[in-house]
């Protein structure tokens, strides 16, 4: 019983028990060295979420995303906002759902092939309307392959993001002006 309780506690602390997108609470604000990040993260099946890492983080097949990530974004949940320290980041460690009866496990994408973005402190950094998918057929044909073929699109719809922030976080937007900082 102690082991079960410990496992539940660890899962709760690492966020495994929740599928809630990361969104700022009313009144939450960045510290002096942080900025607000806003993105709309859309994914094709079978993706569920992706993890965000500091630029320069070396990932391996054994990297534990829940313990080493900076943040995560959930697919198809609308705009998500989060506070992150100023710096450069990349999106990797894609988590998938079962596809055609086969489970496709977490895949790590090297930084060179990932979507990358920067965060400026004291700003609301709109990193884009991001669309991400994987070539699932490649993974099914090559189940032992470490290659994760990404299909990625970044759309810059700053006006729509501004309208969202004005409606949901007007005080935050007034203090931290929105800038266009699209992922690439």
C-alpha atoms as a PDB file:
ATOM      1  CA  UNK A   1       0.000   0.000   0.000  1.00  0.00           C
ATOM      2  CA  UNK A   2       2.859   2.393   0.777  1.00  0.00           C
ATOM      3  CA  UNK A   3       4.235   1.839  -2.734  1.00  0.00           C
ATOM      4  CA  UNK A   4       0.882   2.669  -4.336  1.00  0.00           C
ATOM      5  CA  UNK A   5       0.577   5.879  -2.308  1.00  0.00           C
ATOM      6  CA  UNK A   6       4.154   6.851  -3.179  1.00  0.00           C
ATOM      7  CA  UNK A   7       3.486   6.226  -6.893  1.00  0.00           C
ATOM      8  CA  UNK A   8       0.314   8.333  -6.830  1.00  0.00           C
ATOM      9  CA  UNK A   9       2.189  11.135  -5.041  1.00  0.00           C
ATOM     10  CA  UNK A  10       5.032  11.057  -7.597  1.00  0.00           C
ATOM     11  CA  UNK A  11       2.552  11.053 -10.498  1.00  0.00           C
ATOM     12  CA  UNK A  12       0.636  13.977  -9.015  1.00  0.00           C
ATOM     13  CA  UNK A  13       3.812  15.975  -8.464  1.00  0.00           C
ATOM     14  CA  UNK A  14       5.009  15.394 -12.029  1.00  0.00           C
ATOM     15  CA  UNK A  15       1.640  16.148 -13.602  1.00  0.00           C
ATOM     16  CA  UNK A  16       0.864  12.629 -14.849  1.00  0.00           C
ATOM     17  CA  UNK A  17      -2.630  12.630 -13.396  1.00  0.00           C
ATOM     18  CA  UNK A  18      -3.861  15.728 -15.169  1.00  0.00           C
ATOM     19  CA  UNK A  19      -4.648  16.487 -18.789  1.00  0.00           C
ATOM     20  CA  UNK A  20      -5.326  20.154 -18.109  1.00  0.00           C
ATOM     21  CA  UNK A  21      -3.533  22.593 -20.382  1.00  0.00           C
ATOM     22  CA  UNK A  22      -1.032  24.883 -18.765  1.00  0.00           C
ATOM     23  CA  UNK A  23      -2.792  28.227 -18.331  1.00  0.00           C
ATOM     24  CA  UNK A  24      -2.101  31.133 -16.013  1.00  0.00           C
ATOM     25  CA  UNK A  25      -4.448  31.792 -13.132  1.00  0.00           C
ATOM     26  CA  UNK A  26      -5.930  35.254 -12.731  1.00  0.00           C
ATOM     27  CA  UNK A  27      -3.485  37.407 -10.801  1.00  0.00           C
ATOM     28  CA  UNK A  28      -0.464  35.210 -11.623  1.00  0.00           C
ATOM     29  CA  UNK A  29       2.439  37.294 -12.962  1.00  0.00           C
ATOM     30  CA  UNK A  30       6.033  36.715 -14.038  1.00  0.00           C
ATOM     31  CA  UNK A  31       9.064  37.526 -11.908  1.00  0.00           C
ATOM     32  CA  UNK A  32      11.652  40.089 -13.077  1.00  0.00           C
ATOM     33  CA  UNK A  33      13.544  37.568 -15.260  1.00  0.00           C
ATOM     34  CA  UNK A  34      10.434  35.928 -16.767  1.00  0.00           C
ATOM     35  CA  UNK A  35       7.988  36.488 -19.587  1.00  0.00           C
ATOM     36  CA  UNK A  36       4.541  35.225 -20.483  1.00  0.00           C
ATOM     37  CA  UNK A  37       4.274  32.748 -23.368  1.00  0.00           C
ATOM     38  CA  UNK A  38       1.069  32.304 -25.353  1.00  0.00           C
ATOM     39  CA  UNK A  39       0.499  29.743 -28.104  1.00  0.00           C
ATOM     40  CA  UNK A  40      -2.279  27.822 -29.750  1.00  0.00           C
ATOM     41  CA  UNK A  41      -0.964  24.278 -30.115  1.00  0.00           C
ATOM     42  CA  UNK A  42      -2.821  22.105 -32.619  1.00  0.00           C
ATOM     43  CA  UNK A  43      -1.775  18.539 -33.320  1.00  0.00           C
ATOM     44  CA  UNK A  44      -2.799  15.816 -35.654  1.00  0.00           C
ATOM     45  CA  UNK A  45      -3.576  12.382 -34.353  1.00  0.00           C
ATOM     46  CA  UNK A  46      -2.064  10.628 -32.513  1.00  0.00           C
ATOM     47  CA  UNK A  47      -0.313  13.443 -30.607  1.00  0.00           C
ATOM     48  CA  UNK A  48      -1.565  14.408 -27.142  1.00  0.00           C
ATOM     49  CA  UNK A  49       1.062  16.826 -25.833  1.00  0.00           C
ATOM     50  CA  UNK A  50       4.645  18.020 -26.181  1.00  0.00           C
ATOM     51  CA  UNK A  51       7.313  19.079 -23.708  1.00  0.00           C
ATOM     52  CA  UNK A  52       9.382  22.268 -23.812  1.00  0.00           C
ATOM     53  CA  UNK A  53      13.102  22.269 -22.953  1.00  0.00           C
ATOM     54  CA  UNK A  54      15.852  24.856 -22.540  1.00  0.00           C
ATOM     55  CA  UNK A  55      17.940  25.260 -25.696  1.00  0.00           C
ATOM     56  CA  UNK A  56      21.059  23.116 -25.481  1.00  0.00           C
ATOM     57  CA  UNK A  57      19.376  20.316 -23.490  1.00  0.00           C
ATOM     58  CA  UNK A  58      20.620  16.992 -24.821  1.00  0.00           C
ATOM     59  CA  UNK A  59      17.837  14.436 -25.061  1.00  0.00           C
ATOM     60  CA  UNK A  60      18.246  10.715 -25.296  1.00  0.00           C
ATOM     61  CA  UNK A  61      15.761   7.918 -25.755  1.00  0.00           C
ATOM     62  CA  UNK A  62      15.842   7.665 -21.937  1.00  0.00           C
ATOM     63  CA  UNK A  63      15.202  11.343 -21.147  1.00  0.00           C
ATOM     64  CA  UNK A  64      12.348  11.518 -18.666  1.00  0.00           C
ATOM     65  CA  UNK A  65      10.214  14.390 -19.996  1.00  0.00           C
ATOM     66  CA  UNK A  66       8.199  14.928 -16.832  1.00  0.00           C
ATOM     67  CA  UNK A  67      11.329  15.429 -14.728  1.00  0.00           C
ATOM     68  CA  UNK A  68      13.505  17.446 -17.098  1.00  0.00           C
ATOM     69  CA  UNK A  69      11.122  19.686 -19.033  1.00  0.00           C
ATOM     70  CA  UNK A  70      10.449  23.382 -18.462  1.00  0.00           C
ATOM     71  CA  UNK A  71       6.783  23.249 -19.453  1.00  0.00           C
ATOM     72  CA  UNK A  72       4.344  21.326 -21.617  1.00  0.00           C
ATOM     73  CA  UNK A  73       1.605  22.136 -24.098  1.00  0.00           C
ATOM     74  CA  UNK A  74      -1.488  20.023 -24.655  1.00  0.00           C
ATOM     75  CA  UNK A  75      -2.814  19.516 -28.155  1.00  0.00           C
ATOM     76  CA  UNK A  76      -6.040  21.042 -29.419  1.00  0.00           C
ATOM     77  CA  UNK A  77      -6.936  22.911 -26.214  1.00  0.00           C
ATOM     78  CA  UNK A  78      -6.996  26.450 -27.624  1.00  0.00           C
ATOM     79  CA  UNK A  79      -4.639  29.167 -26.463  1.00  0.00           C
ATOM     80  CA  UNK A  80      -2.387  28.245 -23.566  1.00  0.00           C
ATOM     81  CA  UNK A  81      -0.399  30.669 -21.464  1.00  0.00           C
ATOM     82  CA  UNK A  82       2.560  29.993 -19.215  1.00  0.00           C
ATOM     83  CA  UNK A  83       5.327  31.864 -17.434  1.00  0.00           C
ATOM     84  CA  UNK A  84       8.884  30.985 -18.448  1.00  0.00           C
ATOM     85  CA  UNK A  85      12.326  32.471 -17.723  1.00  0.00           C
ATOM     86  CA  UNK A  86      13.872  34.608 -20.457  1.00  0.00           C
ATOM     87  CA  UNK A  87      15.837  32.408 -22.846  1.00  0.00           C
ATOM     88  CA  UNK A  88      15.710  30.042 -25.804  1.00  0.00           C
ATOM     89  CA  UNK A  89      13.648  26.860 -25.930  1.00  0.00           C
ATOM     90  CA  UNK A  90      12.627  23.967 -28.159  1.00  0.00           C
ATOM     91  CA  UNK A  91       9.588  21.679 -28.319  1.00  0.00           C
ATOM     92  CA  UNK A  92      10.245  17.932 -28.146  1.00  0.00           C
ATOM     93  CA  UNK A  93       9.234  14.713 -26.346  1.00  0.00           C
ATOM     94  CA  UNK A  94       5.976  14.181 -28.151  1.00  0.00           C
ATOM     95  CA  UNK A  95       3.484  11.990 -26.321  1.00  0.00           C
ATOM     96  CA  UNK A  96       1.049   9.998 -28.425  1.00  0.00           C
ATOM     97  CA  UNK A  97      -2.089   7.955 -28.009  1.00  0.00           C
ATOM     98  CA  UNK A  98      -2.587   4.458 -29.460  1.00  0.00           C
ATOM     99  CA  UNK A  99      -2.847   4.388 -33.264  1.00  0.00           C
ATOM    100  CA  UNK A 100      -4.396   1.503 -35.196  1.00  0.00           C
ATOM    101  CA  UNK A 101      -4.165  -0.668 -32.097  1.00  0.00           C
ATOM    102  CA  UNK A 102      -0.456  -0.010 -31.590  1.00  0.00           C
ATOM    103  CA  UNK A 103       0.935   2.267 -28.906  1.00  0.00           C
ATOM    104  CA  UNK A 104       3.542   4.708 -30.145  1.00  0.00           C
ATOM    105  CA  UNK A 105       5.670   5.761 -27.208  1.00  0.00           C
ATOM    106  CA  UNK A 106       7.167   9.128 -26.419  1.00  0.00           C
ATOM    107  CA  UNK A 107       9.512  10.294 -29.134  1.00  0.00           C
ATOM    108  CA  UNK A 108      12.273  12.838 -28.656  1.00  0.00           C
ATOM    109  CA  UNK A 109      13.178  15.251 -31.425  1.00  0.00           C
ATOM    110  CA  UNK A 110      16.675  16.690 -31.497  1.00  0.00           C
ATOM    111  CA  UNK A 111      16.779  20.455 -31.093  1.00  0.00           C
ATOM    112  CA  UNK A 112      18.048  20.936 -34.672  1.00  0.00           C
ATOM    113  CA  UNK A 113      14.787  19.435 -36.021  1.00  0.00           C
ATOM    114  CA  UNK A 114      12.410  20.832 -33.394  1.00  0.00           C
ATOM    115  CA  UNK A 115      10.329  23.984 -33.245  1.00  0.00           C
ATOM    116  CA  UNK A 116      12.416  26.640 -31.460  1.00  0.00           C
ATOM    117  CA  UNK A 117      11.417  29.924 -29.832  1.00  0.00           C
ATOM    118  CA  UNK A 118      12.733  32.632 -27.513  1.00  0.00           C
ATOM    119  CA  UNK A 119      11.158  34.305 -24.502  1.00  0.00           C
ATOM    120  CA  UNK A 120      11.773  37.974 -23.659  1.00  0.00           C
ATOM    121  CA  UNK A 121      11.298  38.992 -20.039  1.00  0.00           C
ATOM    122  CA  UNK A 122       8.623  41.549 -19.215  1.00  0.00           C
ATOM    123  CA  UNK A 123       6.646  40.724 -22.388  1.00  0.00           C
ATOM    124  CA  UNK A 124       3.809  38.487 -23.480  1.00  0.00           C
ATOM    125  CA  UNK A 125       5.587  36.389 -26.109  1.00  0.00           C
ATOM    126  CA  UNK A 126       3.186  35.099 -28.768  1.00  0.00           C
ATOM    127  CA  UNK A 127       5.041  32.148 -30.319  1.00  0.00           C
ATOM    128  CA  UNK A 128       2.357  31.398 -32.890  1.00  0.00           C
ATOM    129  CA  UNK A 129      -0.498  29.134 -33.766  1.00  0.00           C
ATOM    130  CA  UNK A 130       1.542  25.949 -33.943  1.00  0.00           C
ATOM    131  CA  UNK A 131       0.501  22.858 -35.864  1.00  0.00           C
ATOM    132  CA  UNK A 132       2.535  19.751 -35.250  1.00  0.00           C
ATOM    133  CA  UNK A 133       2.220  16.211 -36.488  1.00  0.00           C
ATOM    134  CA  UNK A 134       4.359  13.147 -36.926  1.00  0.00           C
ATOM    135  CA  UNK A 135       4.724  10.815 -39.848  1.00  0.00           C
ATOM    136  CA  UNK A 136       3.092   7.922 -37.994  1.00  0.00           C
ATOM    137  CA  UNK A 137       3.372   5.606 -40.993  1.00  0.00           C
ATOM    138  CA  UNK A 138       7.183   5.946 -40.812  1.00  0.00           C
ATOM    139  CA  UNK A 139       7.075   4.902 -37.130  1.00  0.00           C
ATOM    140  CA  UNK A 140       4.831   1.907 -37.847  1.00  0.00           C
ATOM    141  CA  UNK A 141       7.023   0.735 -40.753  1.00  0.00           C
ATOM    142  CA  UNK A 142      10.188   1.217 -38.649  1.00  0.00           C
ATOM    143  CA  UNK A 143       9.207   0.518 -35.005  1.00  0.00           C
ATOM    144  CA  UNK A 144      12.832   0.388 -33.798  1.00  0.00           C
ATOM    145  CA  UNK A 145      13.786   3.608 -35.545  1.00  0.00           C
ATOM    146  CA  UNK A 146      14.819   6.499 -33.313  1.00  0.00           C
ATOM    147  CA  UNK A 147      13.868   8.961 -36.070  1.00  0.00           C
ATOM    148  CA  UNK A 148      10.781  11.026 -35.445  1.00  0.00           C
ATOM    149  CA  UNK A 149       9.676  12.725 -38.662  1.00  0.00           C
ATOM    150  CA  UNK A 150       7.915  15.987 -37.779  1.00  0.00           C
ATOM    151  CA  UNK A 151       5.386  17.826 -39.879  1.00  0.00           C
ATOM    152  CA  UNK A 152       5.257  21.401 -38.537  1.00  0.00           C
ATOM    153  CA  UNK A 153       3.544  24.664 -39.432  1.00  0.00           C
ATOM    154  CA  UNK A 154       3.670  28.028 -37.653  1.00  0.00           C
ATOM    155  CA  UNK A 155       0.954  30.593 -38.349  1.00  0.00           C
ATOM    156  CA  UNK A 156       1.367  34.127 -37.016  1.00  0.00           C
ATOM    157  CA  UNK A 157      -2.083  35.420 -35.990  1.00  0.00           C
ATOM    158  CA  UNK A 158      -1.003  38.036 -33.440  1.00  0.00           C
ATOM    159  CA  UNK A 159      -4.343  39.879 -33.577  1.00  0.00           C
ATOM    160  CA  UNK A 160      -6.283  36.757 -32.568  1.00  0.00           C
ATOM    161  CA  UNK A 161      -3.848  36.081 -29.682  1.00  0.00           C
ATOM    162  CA  UNK A 162      -4.181  39.716 -28.571  1.00  0.00           C
ATOM    163  CA  UNK A 163      -7.994  39.438 -28.549  1.00  0.00           C
ATOM    164  CA  UNK A 164      -7.733  36.252 -26.456  1.00  0.00           C
ATOM    165  CA  UNK A 165      -5.394  37.887 -23.916  1.00  0.00           C
ATOM    166  CA  UNK A 166      -7.537  41.024 -23.726  1.00  0.00           C
ATOM    167  CA  UNK A 167     -10.620  38.908 -22.985  1.00  0.00           C
ATOM    168  CA  UNK A 168      -8.998  36.511 -20.488  1.00  0.00           C
ATOM    169  CA  UNK A 169      -6.028  38.347 -18.926  1.00  0.00           C
ATOM    170  CA  UNK A 170      -6.517  42.104 -19.500  1.00  0.00           C
ATOM    171  CA  UNK A 171      -4.480  43.154 -16.420  1.00  0.00           C
ATOM    172  CA  UNK A 172      -1.576  40.930 -17.435  1.00  0.00           C
ATOM    173  CA  UNK A 173      -1.702  42.212 -21.015  1.00  0.00           C
ATOM    174  CA  UNK A 174      -1.691  45.838 -19.799  1.00  0.00           C
ATOM    175  CA  UNK A 175       1.458  45.222 -17.753  1.00  0.00           C
ATOM    176  CA  UNK A 176       3.233  42.839 -20.179  1.00  0.00           C
ATOM    177  CA  UNK A 177       2.656  43.989 -23.790  1.00  0.00           C
ATOM    178  CA  UNK A 178       2.250  41.283 -26.406  1.00  0.00           C
ATOM    179  CA  UNK A 179       4.988  40.836 -29.011  1.00  0.00           C
ATOM    180  CA  UNK A 180       5.211  38.567 -32.005  1.00  0.00           C
ATOM    181  CA  UNK A 181       7.983  36.018 -31.423  1.00  0.00           C
ATOM    182  CA  UNK A 182       6.958  33.104 -33.691  1.00  0.00           C
ATOM    183  CA  UNK A 183       8.566  29.722 -33.296  1.00  0.00           C
ATOM    184  CA  UNK A 184      10.707  28.630 -36.215  1.00  0.00           C
END
